[in-house]
PDB file of N, CA and C in Angstrom:
ATOM      1  N   UNK A   1     -19.340  34.055   0.950  1.00  0.00           N
ATOM      2  CA  UNK A   1     -18.279  33.326   0.267  1.00  0.00           C
ATOM      3  C   UNK A   1     -16.955  34.016   0.568  1.00  0.00           C
ATOM      4  N   UNK A   2     -16.000  33.261   1.097  1.00  0.00           N
ATOM      5  CA  UNK A   2     -14.707  33.823   1.477  1.00  0.00           C
ATOM      6  C   UNK A   2     -13.626  33.331   0.527  1.00  0.00           C
ATOM      7  N   UNK A   3     -12.663  34.228   0.216  1.00  0.00           N
ATOM      8  CA  UNK A   3     -11.542  33.810  -0.623  1.00  0.00           C
ATOM      9  C   UNK A   3     -10.354  33.383   0.227  1.00  0.00           C
ATOM     10  N   UNK A   4     -10.489  33.462   1.545  1.00  0.00           N
ATOM     11  CA  UNK A   4      -9.425  33.066   2.450  1.00  0.00           C
ATOM     12  C   UNK A   4      -9.269  31.544   2.443  1.00  0.00           C
ATOM     13  N   UNK A   5      -8.039  31.081   2.564  1.00  0.00           N
ATOM     14  CA  UNK A   5      -7.785  29.642   2.600  1.00  0.00           C
ATOM     15  C   UNK A   5      -8.018  29.065   3.986  1.00  0.00           C
ATOM     16  N   UNK A   6      -8.082  29.912   5.001  1.00  0.00           N
ATOM     17  CA  UNK A   6      -8.295  29.415   6.352  1.00  0.00           C
ATOM     18  C   UNK A   6      -9.635  28.705   6.446  1.00  0.00           C
ATOM     19  N   UNK A   7      -9.661  27.626   7.211  1.00  0.00           N
ATOM     20  CA  UNK A   7     -10.898  26.891   7.414  1.00  0.00           C
ATOM     21  C   UNK A   7     -10.739  25.431   7.049  1.00  0.00           C
ATOM     22  N   UNK A   8     -11.872  24.755   6.958  1.00  0.00           N
ATOM     23  CA  UNK A   8     -11.892  23.327   6.663  1.00  0.00           C
ATOM     24  C   UNK A   8     -12.349  23.112   5.233  1.00  0.00           C
ATOM     25  N   UNK A   9     -11.661  22.201   4.569  1.00  0.00           N
ATOM     26  CA  UNK A   9     -11.918  21.873   3.166  1.00  0.00           C
ATOM     27  C   UNK A   9     -12.142  20.373   3.059  1.00  0.00           C
ATOM     28  N   UNK A  10     -13.196  19.969   2.371  1.00  0.00           N
ATOM     29  CA  UNK A  10     -13.540  18.566   2.255  1.00  0.00           C
ATOM     30  C   UNK A  10     -14.527  18.176   3.341  1.00  0.00           C
ATOM     31  N   UNK A  11     -14.767  16.877   3.437  1.00  0.00           N
ATOM     32  CA  UNK A  11     -15.746  16.350   4.381  1.00  0.00           C
ATOM     33  C   UNK A  11     -15.032  15.454   5.376  1.00  0.00           C
ATOM     34  N   UNK A  12     -15.161  15.780   6.663  1.00  0.00           N
ATOM     35  CA  UNK A  12     -14.524  14.975   7.708  1.00  0.00           C
ATOM     36  C   UNK A  12     -15.330  13.699   7.923  1.00  0.00           C
ATOM     37  N   UNK A  13     -15.101  12.737   7.030  1.00  0.00           N
ATOM     38  CA  UNK A  13     -15.802  11.461   7.086  1.00  0.00           C
ATOM     39  C   UNK A  13     -14.810  10.371   6.701  1.00  0.00           C
ATOM     40  N   UNK A  14     -14.910   9.229   7.330  1.00  0.00           N
ATOM     41  CA  UNK A  14     -14.003   8.117   7.075  1.00  0.00           C
ATOM     42  C   UNK A  14     -13.900   7.837   5.573  1.00  0.00           C
ATOM     43  N   UNK A  15     -12.664   7.762   5.084  1.00  0.00           N
ATOM     44  CA  UNK A  15     -12.428   7.466   3.679  1.00  0.00           C
ATOM     45  C   UNK A  15     -12.453   8.676   2.761  1.00  0.00           C
ATOM     46  N   UNK A  16     -12.703   9.864   3.312  1.00  0.00           N
ATOM     47  CA  UNK A  16     -12.783  11.088   2.515  1.00  0.00           C
ATOM     48  C   UNK A  16     -11.598  12.000   2.834  1.00  0.00           C
ATOM     49  N   UNK A  17     -11.013  12.648   1.818  1.00  0.00           N
ATOM     50  CA  UNK A  17      -9.925  13.588   2.076  1.00  0.00           C
ATOM     51  C   UNK A  17     -10.453  14.920   2.606  1.00  0.00           C
ATOM     52  N   UNK A  18      -9.701  15.524   3.521  1.00  0.00           N
ATOM     53  CA  UNK A  18     -10.039  16.850   4.042  1.00  0.00           C
ATOM     54  C   UNK A  18      -8.791  17.499   4.618  1.00  0.00           C
ATOM     55  N   UNK A  19      -8.822  18.829   4.664  1.00  0.00           N
ATOM     56  CA  UNK A  19      -7.756  19.618   5.279  1.00  0.00           C
ATOM     57  C   UNK A  19      -8.376  20.697   6.142  1.00  0.00           C
ATOM     58  N   UNK A  20      -7.717  21.000   7.243  1.00  0.00           N
ATOM     59  CA  UNK A  20      -8.122  22.121   8.084  1.00  0.00           C
ATOM     60  C   UNK A  20      -6.919  23.057   8.199  1.00  0.00           C
ATOM     61  N   UNK A  21      -7.038  24.250   7.623  1.00  0.00           N
ATOM     62  CA  UNK A  21      -5.970  25.244   7.639  1.00  0.00           C
ATOM     63  C   UNK A  21      -6.270  26.249   8.739  1.00  0.00           C
ATOM     64  N   UNK A  22      -5.468  26.211   9.805  1.00  0.00           N
ATOM     65  CA  UNK A  22      -5.688  27.074  10.960  1.00  0.00           C
ATOM     66  C   UNK A  22      -5.013  28.425  10.764  1.00  0.00           C
ATOM     67  N   UNK A  23      -5.540  29.433  11.451  1.00  0.00           N
ATOM     68  CA  UNK A  23      -5.043  30.800  11.359  1.00  0.00           C
ATOM     69  C   UNK A  23      -3.543  30.876  11.652  1.00  0.00           C
ATOM     70  N   UNK A  24      -3.065  30.122  12.622  1.00  0.00           N
ATOM     71  CA  UNK A  24      -1.659  30.204  13.023  1.00  0.00           C
ATOM     72  C   UNK A  24      -0.704  29.461  12.093  1.00  0.00           C
ATOM     73  N   UNK A  25      -1.201  28.959  10.951  1.00  0.00           N
ATOM     74  CA  UNK A  25      -0.323  28.335   9.972  1.00  0.00           C
ATOM     75  C   UNK A  25      -0.151  26.832  10.112  1.00  0.00           C
ATOM     76  N   UNK A  26      -0.966  26.199  10.928  1.00  0.00           N
ATOM     77  CA  UNK A  26      -0.921  24.741  11.063  1.00  0.00           C
ATOM     78  C   UNK A  26      -1.968  24.123  10.155  1.00  0.00           C
ATOM     79  N   UNK A  27      -1.660  22.954   9.630  1.00  0.00           N
ATOM     80  CA  UNK A  27      -2.628  22.223   8.822  1.00  0.00           C
ATOM     81  C   UNK A  27      -2.757  20.806   9.376  1.00  0.00           C
ATOM     82  N   UNK A  28      -3.992  20.362   9.498  1.00  0.00           N
ATOM     83  CA  UNK A  28      -4.321  18.995   9.880  1.00  0.00           C
ATOM     84  C   UNK A  28      -5.234  18.455   8.804  1.00  0.00           C
ATOM     85  N   UNK A  29      -5.268  17.148   8.659  1.00  0.00           N
ATOM     86  CA  UNK A  29      -6.173  16.588   7.682  1.00  0.00           C
ATOM     87  C   UNK A  29      -6.078  15.092   7.587  1.00  0.00           C
ATOM     88  N   UNK A  30      -6.658  14.581   6.517  1.00  0.00           N
ATOM     89  CA  UNK A  30      -6.672  13.158   6.247  1.00  0.00           C
ATOM     90  C   UNK A  30      -6.731  12.990   4.743  1.00  0.00           C
ATOM     91  N   UNK A  31      -5.953  12.045   4.206  1.00  0.00           N
ATOM     92  CA  UNK A  31      -5.954  11.812   2.762  1.00  0.00           C
ATOM     93  C   UNK A  31      -6.971  10.755   2.344  1.00  0.00           C
ATOM     94  N   UNK A  32      -7.837  10.389   3.280  1.00  0.00           N
ATOM     95  CA  UNK A  32      -8.813   9.343   3.045  1.00  0.00           C
ATOM     96  C   UNK A  32      -8.408   8.060   3.746  1.00  0.00           C
ATOM     97  N   UNK A  33      -7.155   7.990   4.166  1.00  0.00           N
ATOM     98  CA  UNK A  33      -6.612   6.831   4.861  1.00  0.00           C
ATOM     99  C   UNK A  33      -5.706   7.253   6.006  1.00  0.00           C
ATOM    100  N   UNK A  34      -4.769   8.134   5.728  1.00  0.00           N
ATOM    101  CA  UNK A  34      -3.750   8.551   6.689  1.00  0.00           C
ATOM    102  C   UNK A  34      -3.974   9.972   7.187  1.00  0.00           C
ATOM    103  N   UNK A  35      -3.631  10.188   8.457  1.00  0.00           N
ATOM    104  CA  UNK A  35      -3.674  11.540   9.011  1.00  0.00           C
ATOM    105  C   UNK A  35      -2.533  12.352   8.421  1.00  0.00           C
ATOM    106  N   UNK A  36      -2.795  13.627   8.158  1.00  0.00           N
ATOM    107  CA  UNK A  36      -1.804  14.562   7.635  1.00  0.00           C
ATOM    108  C   UNK A  36      -1.613  15.690   8.633  1.00  0.00           C
ATOM    109  N   UNK A  37      -0.384  16.200   8.717  1.00  0.00           N
ATOM    110  CA  UNK A  37      -0.111  17.338   9.588  1.00  0.00           C
ATOM    111  C   UNK A  37       1.075  18.104   9.040  1.00  0.00           C
ATOM    112  N   UNK A  38       1.118  19.387   9.345  1.00  0.00           N
ATOM    113  CA  UNK A  38       2.224  20.216   8.882  1.00  0.00           C
ATOM    114  C   UNK A  38       1.881  21.677   9.021  1.00  0.00           C
ATOM    115  N   UNK A  39       2.407  22.464   8.109  1.00  0.00           N
ATOM    116  CA  UNK A  39       2.174  23.893   8.138  1.00  0.00           C
ATOM    117  C   UNK A  39       1.809  24.407   6.757  1.00  0.00           C
ATOM    118  N   UNK A  40       1.342  25.643   6.731  1.00  0.00           N
ATOM    119  CA  UNK A  40       1.018  26.302   5.469  1.00  0.00           C
ATOM    120  C   UNK A  40       1.243  27.793   5.638  1.00  0.00           C
ATOM    121  N   UNK A  41       1.409  28.457   4.489  1.00  0.00           N
ATOM    122  CA  UNK A  41       1.571  29.907   4.502  1.00  0.00           C
ATOM    123  C   UNK A  41       1.025  30.463   3.196  1.00  0.00           C
ATOM    124  N   UNK A  42       0.642  31.726   3.236  1.00  0.00           N
ATOM    125  CA  UNK A  42       0.194  32.407   2.024  1.00  0.00           C
ATOM    126  C   UNK A  42       1.403  32.575   1.117  1.00  0.00           C
ATOM    127  N   UNK A  43       1.232  32.280  -0.161  1.00  0.00           N
ATOM    128  CA  UNK A  43       2.302  32.376  -1.152  1.00  0.00           C
ATOM    129  C   UNK A  43       1.707  32.979  -2.422  1.00  0.00           C
ATOM    130  N   UNK A  44       1.847  34.295  -2.575  1.00  0.00           N
ATOM    131  CA  UNK A  44       1.233  34.970  -3.723  1.00  0.00           C
ATOM    132  C   UNK A  44      -0.275  34.840  -3.643  1.00  0.00           C
ATOM    133  N   UNK A  45      -0.906  34.393  -4.738  1.00  0.00           N
ATOM    134  CA  UNK A  45      -2.360  34.278  -4.739  1.00  0.00           C
ATOM    135  C   UNK A  45      -2.874  32.993  -4.078  1.00  0.00           C
ATOM    136  N   UNK A  46      -1.985  32.101  -3.676  1.00  0.00           N
ATOM    137  CA  UNK A  46      -2.410  30.826  -3.116  1.00  0.00           C
ATOM    138  C   UNK A  46      -1.719  30.517  -1.805  1.00  0.00           C
ATOM    139  N   UNK A  47      -1.587  29.241  -1.523  1.00  0.00           N
ATOM    140  CA  UNK A  47      -0.908  28.792  -0.314  1.00  0.00           C
ATOM    141  C   UNK A  47       0.148  27.755  -0.684  1.00  0.00           C
ATOM    142  N   UNK A  48       1.147  27.660   0.178  1.00  0.00           N
ATOM    143  CA  UNK A  48       2.192  26.647   0.037  1.00  0.00           C
ATOM    144  C   UNK A  48       2.204  25.844   1.323  1.00  0.00           C
ATOM    145  N   UNK A  49       2.215  24.530   1.173  1.00  0.00           N
ATOM    146  CA  UNK A  49       2.278  23.643   2.321  1.00  0.00           C
ATOM    147  C   UNK A  49       3.727  23.315   2.615  1.00  0.00           C
ATOM    148  N   UNK A  50       4.064  23.236   3.903  1.00  0.00           N
ATOM    149  CA  UNK A  50       5.339  22.637   4.283  1.00  0.00           C
ATOM    150  C   UNK A  50       5.207  21.170   3.872  1.00  0.00           C
ATOM    151  N   UNK A  51       6.305  20.462   3.739  1.00  0.00           N
ATOM    152  CA  UNK A  51       6.130  19.034   3.460  1.00  0.00           C
ATOM    153  C   UNK A  51       5.206  18.420   4.515  1.00  0.00           C
ATOM    154  N   UNK A  52       4.135  17.791   4.056  1.00  0.00           N
ATOM    155  CA  UNK A  52       3.154  17.230   4.968  1.00  0.00           C
ATOM    156  C   UNK A  52       3.633  15.890   5.509  1.00  0.00           C
ATOM    157  N   UNK A  53       3.586  15.739   6.811  1.00  0.00           N
ATOM    158  CA  UNK A  53       3.894  14.461   7.442  1.00  0.00           C
ATOM    159  C   UNK A  53       2.598  13.654   7.486  1.00  0.00           C
ATOM    160  N   UNK A  54       2.725  12.337   7.429  1.00  0.00           N
ATOM    161  CA  UNK A  54       1.522  11.512   7.493  1.00  0.00           C
ATOM    162  C   UNK A  54       1.818  10.188   8.172  1.00  0.00           C
ATOM    163  N   UNK A  55       0.734   9.580   8.640  1.00  0.00           N
ATOM    164  CA  UNK A  55       0.845   8.218   9.123  1.00  0.00           C
ATOM    165  C   UNK A  55       1.034   7.345   7.881  1.00  0.00           C
ATOM    166  N   UNK A  56       1.382   6.091   8.050  1.00  0.00           N
ATOM    167  CA  UNK A  56       1.685   5.229   6.899  1.00  0.00           C
ATOM    168  C   UNK A  56       0.838   3.960   6.902  1.00  0.00           C
ATOM    169  N   UNK A  57      -0.455   4.125   7.051  1.00  0.00           N
ATOM    170  CA  UNK A  57      -1.368   2.986   7.030  1.00  0.00           C
ATOM    171  C   UNK A  57      -1.671   2.616   5.585  1.00  0.00           C
ATOM    172  N   UNK A  58      -1.985   1.352   5.363  1.00  0.00           N
ATOM    173  CA  UNK A  58      -2.406   0.900   4.037  1.00  0.00           C
ATOM    174  C   UNK A  58      -3.921   0.765   4.042  1.00  0.00           C
ATOM    175  N   UNK A  59      -4.560   1.392   3.082  1.00  0.00           N
ATOM    176  CA  UNK A  59      -6.010   1.296   2.949  1.00  0.00           C
ATOM    177  C   UNK A  59      -6.322   0.913   1.508  1.00  0.00           C
ATOM    178  N   UNK A  60      -6.758  -0.287   1.315  1.00  0.00           N
ATOM    179  CA  UNK A  60      -7.043  -0.787  -0.028  1.00  0.00           C
ATOM    180  C   UNK A  60      -8.137   0.041  -0.699  1.00  0.00           C
ATOM    181  N   UNK A  61      -7.892   0.412  -1.938  1.00  0.00           N
ATOM    182  CA  UNK A  61      -8.875   1.118  -2.736  1.00  0.00           C
ATOM    183  C   UNK A  61      -9.025   2.601  -2.438  1.00  0.00           C
ATOM    184  N   UNK A  62      -8.151   3.174  -1.617  1.00  0.00           N
ATOM    185  CA  UNK A  62      -8.240   4.602  -1.287  1.00  0.00           C
ATOM    186  C   UNK A  62      -7.163   5.356  -2.065  1.00  0.00           C
ATOM    187  N   UNK A  63      -7.569   6.382  -2.791  1.00  0.00           N
ATOM    188  CA  UNK A  63      -6.636   7.240  -3.524  1.00  0.00           C
ATOM    189  C   UNK A  63      -6.109   8.295  -2.556  1.00  0.00           C
ATOM    190  N   UNK A  64      -4.843   8.232  -2.230  1.00  0.00           N
ATOM    191  CA  UNK A  64      -4.245   9.131  -1.232  1.00  0.00           C
ATOM    192  C   UNK A  64      -3.584  10.348  -1.889  1.00  0.00           C
ATOM    193  N   UNK A  65      -4.200  10.893  -2.917  1.00  0.00           N
ATOM    194  CA  UNK A  65      -3.646  12.018  -3.676  1.00  0.00           C
ATOM    195  C   UNK A  65      -3.307  13.222  -2.798  1.00  0.00           C
ATOM    196  N   UNK A  66      -4.081  13.445  -1.757  1.00  0.00           N
ATOM    197  CA  UNK A  66      -3.893  14.649  -0.948  1.00  0.00           C
ATOM    198  C   UNK A  66      -2.541  14.667  -0.230  1.00  0.00           C
ATOM    199  N   UNK A  67      -1.959  13.503  -0.001  1.00  0.00           N
ATOM    200  CA  UNK A  67      -0.666  13.450   0.693  1.00  0.00           C
ATOM    201  C   UNK A  67       0.468  14.033  -0.137  1.00  0.00           C
ATOM    202  N   UNK A  68       0.240  14.262  -1.438  1.00  0.00           N
ATOM    203  CA  UNK A  68       1.277  14.838  -2.309  1.00  0.00           C
ATOM    204  C   UNK A  68       1.074  16.332  -2.552  1.00  0.00           C
ATOM    205  N   UNK A  69       0.179  16.960  -1.788  1.00  0.00           N
ATOM    206  CA  UNK A  69      -0.111  18.390  -1.948  1.00  0.00           C
ATOM    207  C   UNK A  69       1.111  19.246  -1.633  1.00  0.00           C
ATOM    208  N   UNK A  70       1.368  20.229  -2.510  1.00  0.00           N
ATOM    209  CA  UNK A  70       2.466  21.176  -2.308  1.00  0.00           C
ATOM    210  C   UNK A  70       1.931  22.607  -2.267  1.00  0.00           C
ATOM    211  N   UNK A  71       0.996  22.927  -3.150  1.00  0.00           N
ATOM    212  CA  UNK A  71       0.395  24.260  -3.194  1.00  0.00           C
ATOM    213  C   UNK A  71      -1.105  24.122  -3.412  1.00  0.00           C
ATOM    214  N   UNK A  72      -1.811  25.240  -3.238  1.00  0.00           N
ATOM    215  CA  UNK A  72      -3.255  25.253  -3.475  1.00  0.00           C
ATOM    216  C   UNK A  72      -3.714  26.675  -3.753  1.00  0.00           C
ATOM    217  N   UNK A  73      -4.830  26.775  -4.448  1.00  0.00           N
ATOM    218  CA  UNK A  73      -5.489  28.051  -4.734  1.00  0.00           C
ATOM    219  C   UNK A  73      -6.947  27.941  -4.337  1.00  0.00           C
ATOM    220  N   UNK A  74      -7.515  29.030  -3.864  1.00  0.00           N
ATOM    221  CA  UNK A  74      -8.946  29.073  -3.587  1.00  0.00           C
ATOM    222  C   UNK A  74      -9.636  29.583  -4.840  1.00  0.00           C
ATOM    223  N   UNK A  75     -10.569  28.787  -5.365  1.00  0.00           N
ATOM    224  CA  UNK A  75     -11.406  29.184  -6.508  1.00  0.00           C
ATOM    225  C   UNK A  75     -12.846  29.056  -6.065  1.00  0.00           C
ATOM    226  N   UNK A  76     -13.510  30.189  -5.919  1.00  0.00           N
ATOM    227  CA  UNK A  76     -14.873  30.219  -5.390  1.00  0.00           C
ATOM    228  C   UNK A  76     -14.867  29.523  -4.038  1.00  0.00           C
ATOM    229  N   UNK A  77     -15.609  28.454  -3.882  1.00  0.00           N
ATOM    230  CA  UNK A  77     -15.654  27.729  -2.612  1.00  0.00           C
ATOM    231  C   UNK A  77     -14.982  26.367  -2.727  1.00  0.00           C
ATOM    232  N   UNK A  78     -13.904  26.294  -3.514  1.00  0.00           N
ATOM    233  CA  UNK A  78     -13.123  25.073  -3.634  1.00  0.00           C
ATOM    234  C   UNK A  78     -11.650  25.382  -3.413  1.00  0.00           C
ATOM    235  N   UNK A  79     -10.954  24.432  -2.796  1.00  0.00           N
ATOM    236  CA  UNK A  79      -9.508  24.499  -2.666  1.00  0.00           C
ATOM    237  C   UNK A  79      -8.943  23.604  -3.757  1.00  0.00           C
ATOM    238  N   UNK A  80      -8.275  24.213  -4.742  1.00  0.00           N
ATOM    239  CA  UNK A  80      -7.684  23.469  -5.851  1.00  0.00           C
ATOM    240  C   UNK A  80      -6.256  23.136  -5.442  1.00  0.00           C
ATOM    241  N   UNK A  81      -5.929  21.843  -5.432  1.00  0.00           N
ATOM    242  CA  UNK A  81      -4.667  21.358  -4.874  1.00  0.00           C
ATOM    243  C   UNK A  81      -3.738  20.905  -5.995  1.00  0.00           C
ATOM    244  N   UNK A  82      -2.440  21.274  -5.864  1.00  0.00           N
ATOM    245  CA  UNK A  82      -1.440  20.971  -6.880  1.00  0.00           C
ATOM    246  C   UNK A  82      -0.276  20.191  -6.272  1.00  0.00           C
ATOM    247  N   UNK A  83       0.383  19.378  -7.104  1.00  0.00           N
ATOM    248  CA  UNK A  83       1.556  18.621  -6.660  1.00  0.00           C
ATOM    249  C   UNK A  83       2.830  19.424  -6.912  1.00  0.00           C
ATOM    250  N   UNK A  84       3.979  18.805  -6.701  1.00  0.00           N
ATOM    251  CA  UNK A  84       5.274  19.487  -6.837  1.00  0.00           C
ATOM    252  C   UNK A  84       5.542  19.960  -8.258  1.00  0.00           C
ATOM    253  N   UNK A  85       4.954  19.320  -9.261  1.00  0.00           N
ATOM    254  CA  UNK A  85       5.136  19.732 -10.657  1.00  0.00           C
ATOM    255  C   UNK A  85       4.123  20.774 -11.098  1.00  0.00           C
ATOM    256  N   UNK A  86       3.244  21.198 -10.184  1.00  0.00           N
ATOM    257  CA  UNK A  86       2.240  22.204 -10.518  1.00  0.00           C
ATOM    258  C   UNK A  86       1.009  21.632 -11.189  1.00  0.00           C
ATOM    259  N   UNK A  87       0.858  20.308 -11.187  1.00  0.00           N
ATOM    260  CA  UNK A  87      -0.323  19.672 -11.776  1.00  0.00           C
ATOM    261  C   UNK A  87      -1.452  19.655 -10.760  1.00  0.00           C
ATOM    262  N   UNK A  88      -2.656  19.956 -11.229  1.00  0.00           N
ATOM    263  CA  UNK A  88      -3.816  19.856 -10.356  1.00  0.00           C
ATOM    264  C   UNK A  88      -4.037  18.389 -10.010  1.00  0.00           C
ATOM    265  N   UNK A  89      -4.115  18.084  -8.707  1.00  0.00           N
ATOM    266  CA  UNK A  89      -4.314  16.698  -8.286  1.00  0.00           C
ATOM    267  C   UNK A  89      -5.681  16.479  -7.639  1.00  0.00           C
ATOM    268  N   UNK A  90      -6.394  17.552  -7.333  1.00  0.00           N
ATOM    269  CA  UNK A  90      -7.722  17.392  -6.764  1.00  0.00           C
ATOM    270  C   UNK A  90      -8.305  18.697  -6.277  1.00  0.00           C
ATOM    271  N   UNK A  91      -9.568  18.605  -5.865  1.00  0.00           N
ATOM    272  CA  UNK A  91     -10.299  19.761  -5.350  1.00  0.00           C
ATOM    273  C   UNK A  91     -11.072  19.347  -4.114  1.00  0.00           C
ATOM    274  N   UNK A  92     -11.101  20.251  -3.169  1.00  0.00           N
ATOM    275  CA  UNK A  92     -11.857  20.040  -1.933  1.00  0.00           C
ATOM    276  C   UNK A  92     -12.852  21.180  -1.770  1.00  0.00           C
ATOM    277  N   UNK A  93     -14.124  20.872  -1.529  1.00  0.00           N
ATOM    278  CA  UNK A  93     -15.097  21.936  -1.299  1.00  0.00           C
ATOM    279  C   UNK A  93     -14.919  22.529   0.088  1.00  0.00           C
ATOM    280  N   UNK A  94     -15.257  23.819   0.229  1.00  0.00           N
ATOM    281  CA  UNK A  94     -15.238  24.440   1.555  1.00  0.00           C
ATOM    282  C   UNK A  94     -16.283  23.729   2.400  1.00  0.00           C
ATOM    283  N   UNK A  95     -15.896  23.332   3.605  1.00  0.00           N
ATOM    284  CA  UNK A  95     -16.816  22.620   4.491  1.00  0.00           C
ATOM    285  C   UNK A  95     -17.862  23.560   5.052  1.00  0.00           C
ATOM    286  N   UNK A  96     -19.008  23.020   5.319  1.00  0.00           N
ATOM    287  CA  UNK A  96     -20.051  23.795   5.983  1.00  0.00           C
ATOM    288  C   UNK A  96     -19.588  24.129   7.394  1.00  0.00           C
ATOM    289  N   UNK A  97     -20.127  25.185   7.975  1.00  0.00           N
ATOM    290  CA  UNK A  97     -19.731  25.627   9.312  1.00  0.00           C
ATOM    291  C   UNK A  97     -19.836  24.516  10.348  1.00  0.00           C
ATOM    292  N   UNK A  98     -20.780  23.600  10.216  1.00  0.00           N
ATOM    293  CA  UNK A  98     -20.985  22.562  11.218  1.00  0.00           C
ATOM    294  C   UNK A  98     -20.060  21.369  11.064  1.00  0.00           C
ATOM    295  N   UNK A  99     -19.287  21.271   9.965  1.00  0.00           N
ATOM    296  CA  UNK A  99     -18.410  20.112   9.729  1.00  0.00           C
ATOM    297  C   UNK A  99     -17.178  20.150  10.591  1.00  0.00           C
TER     298      UNK A  99
END
């Protein structure tokens, strides 16, 4: 079990949110509908995302909460994601090595 934020969080499957935080500070992902890209850095006990850029597709019935991510904390094997007001907006499990 790692406390590092680097790695993949969530499940890389159509309609599911996920993020991949690379060692060099780049982040890629999907909010369940739109691709996300940007940067991240360690900020105290957690991470801070640069404003995430995304595609602007419409997907009926998909909650795109991940596109509003500003900060996150690693708790056990989950990435707890917060919005600009510091409210928890969701959690992503650490992906298995094969994901």
